[in-house]
Amino acid sequence: METITVKDKKLELDENGFLTNSNAWDRNVASYMAAVEGIQMTEPHWAVVNFVRDYYQQYQVAPPIKLLVKEIARTEGSQKANTKYLYTLYPCGPATQACKIAGLPRPNGCV
């Protein structure tokens, strides 16, 4: 397994670059993971990350993309309530990249 160090915290990653221990996550880890992914975190990015983390903590699974789009409509407005907007935030896939940055396991169905 690969390890990274963020602010003196040594963290293990799985073979796909996801944290193996989501409890080790914090905003510093998220910012580091985002930088590795080539993403500069903005408030809309954090809104997605916070939503997927909250959803995961409640249901132990990443939210379906349709639910994520519905949440974006609620927080960012209906004009941004589509997957195209989510891809502007997370170009390599909103579900996969948001979960990686949020310190969550790789979502089911992602190849």
Protein backbone atom coordinates (compact mmCIF):
# COMPACT_ATOMS: atom_id res chain seq x y z
CA MET A 1 0.00 0.00 0.00
CA GLU A 2 1.05 3.52 -0.74
CA THR A 3 1.41 6.01 2.08
CA ILE A 4 1.27 9.79 2.07
CA THR A 5 2.13 12.32 4.74
CA VAL A 6 -0.11 15.33 5.29
CA LYS A 7 0.70 17.75 8.12
CA ASP A 8 2.75 15.08 9.92
CA LYS A 9 -0.04 12.50 9.55
CA LYS A 10 1.01 9.31 7.78
CA LEU A 11 -1.93 7.91 5.81
CA GLU A 12 -2.39 4.70 3.86
CA LEU A 13 -3.99 4.65 0.43
CA ASP A 14 -5.48 1.67 -1.37
CA GLU A 15 -4.43 0.59 -4.86
CA ASN A 16 -6.73 3.26 -6.36
CA GLY A 17 -5.44 6.13 -4.24
CA PHE A 18 -8.34 6.22 -1.77
CA LEU A 19 -7.77 6.53 1.98
CA THR A 20 -7.95 3.20 3.76
CA ASN A 21 -9.15 4.87 6.97
CA SER A 22 -11.82 7.51 6.41
CA ASN A 23 -11.58 8.53 10.08
CA ALA A 24 -8.10 9.94 9.37
CA TRP A 25 -9.64 12.49 6.99
CA ASP A 26 -9.67 16.23 7.63
CA ARG A 27 -9.71 19.35 5.46
CA ASN A 28 -5.92 19.29 5.13
CA VAL A 29 -6.11 15.75 3.75
CA ALA A 30 -8.90 16.82 1.40
CA SER A 31 -6.87 19.76 0.12
CA TYR A 32 -3.87 17.48 -0.44
CA MET A 33 -5.97 14.86 -2.27
CA ALA A 34 -7.58 17.59 -4.38
CA ALA A 35 -4.18 18.99 -5.35
CA VAL A 36 -3.06 15.52 -6.42
CA GLU A 37 -6.22 15.34 -8.54
CA GLY A 38 -5.48 18.78 -10.03
CA ILE A 39 -8.43 20.44 -8.30
CA GLN A 40 -8.36 23.79 -6.51
CA MET A 41 -11.03 23.54 -3.82
CA THR A 42 -13.73 26.23 -3.84
CA GLU A 43 -16.94 26.51 -1.82
CA PRO A 44 -18.93 24.49 -4.40
CA HIS A 45 -16.28 21.74 -4.19
CA TRP A 46 -16.52 21.73 -0.40
CA ALA A 47 -20.33 21.60 -0.59
CA VAL A 48 -20.11 18.38 -2.60
CA VAL A 49 -17.44 16.88 -0.35
CA ASN A 50 -19.39 17.73 2.80
CA PHE A 51 -22.58 16.28 1.35
CA VAL A 52 -20.99 12.98 0.30
CA ARG A 53 -19.28 12.65 3.70
CA ASP A 54 -22.52 13.33 5.58
CA TYR A 55 -24.45 10.93 3.37
CA TYR A 56 -21.79 8.24 3.79
CA GLN A 57 -21.75 8.63 7.57
CA GLN A 58 -25.51 8.11 7.64
CA TYR A 59 -25.89 5.30 5.08
CA GLN A 60 -22.38 3.78 4.76
CA VAL A 61 -22.53 4.17 0.98
CA ALA A 62 -21.78 7.03 -1.42
CA PRO A 63 -24.86 8.93 -2.61
CA PRO A 64 -26.26 8.11 -6.05
CA ILE A 65 -25.44 10.76 -8.65
CA LYS A 66 -29.12 11.73 -8.97
CA LEU A 67 -29.24 12.54 -5.27
CA LEU A 68 -26.02 14.53 -5.59
CA VAL A 69 -27.54 16.56 -8.44
CA LYS A 70 -30.64 17.18 -6.29
CA GLU A 71 -28.42 18.45 -3.47
CA ILE A 72 -26.59 20.79 -5.86
CA ALA A 73 -29.96 22.18 -6.94
CA ARG A 74 -30.75 22.89 -3.31
CA THR A 75 -27.40 24.48 -2.43
CA GLU A 76 -26.23 26.03 -5.70
CA GLY A 77 -29.47 26.69 -7.57
CA SER A 78 -31.41 24.86 -10.25
CA GLN A 79 -29.26 26.23 -13.09
CA LYS A 80 -26.38 24.09 -11.79
CA ALA A 81 -28.47 21.01 -11.07
CA ASN A 82 -26.99 18.71 -13.67
CA THR A 83 -24.12 16.29 -14.11
CA LYS A 84 -22.42 18.64 -16.57
CA TYR A 85 -21.91 21.16 -13.74
CA LEU A 86 -20.59 18.43 -11.44
CA TYR A 87 -18.06 17.49 -14.12
CA THR A 88 -16.81 21.09 -14.15
CA LEU A 89 -16.01 20.63 -10.45
CA TYR A 90 -14.72 17.05 -10.70
CA PRO A 91 -13.66 16.43 -14.33
CA CYS A 92 -12.57 12.81 -13.84
CA GLY A 93 -15.97 11.87 -12.46
CA PRO A 94 -17.94 13.60 -9.73
CA ALA A 95 -18.68 10.46 -7.74
CA THR A 96 -15.17 9.05 -7.85
CA GLN A 97 -13.19 12.25 -7.34
CA ALA A 98 -15.51 13.70 -4.70
CA CYS A 99 -15.34 10.47 -2.70
CA LYS A 100 -11.56 10.32 -3.01
CA ILE A 101 -11.18 13.91 -1.81
CA ALA A 102 -13.77 13.28 0.94
CA GLY A 103 -11.66 10.40 2.24
CA LEU A 104 -14.32 7.79 1.47
CA PRO A 105 -14.01 4.38 -0.18
CA ARG A 106 -14.29 4.13 -3.93
CA PRO A 107 -18.00 4.14 -4.85
CA ASN A 108 -19.56 0.91 -6.09
CA GLY A 109 -19.88 0.74 -9.84
CA CYS A 110 -16.82 2.90 -10.57
CA VAL A 111 -14.32 1.23 -12.84
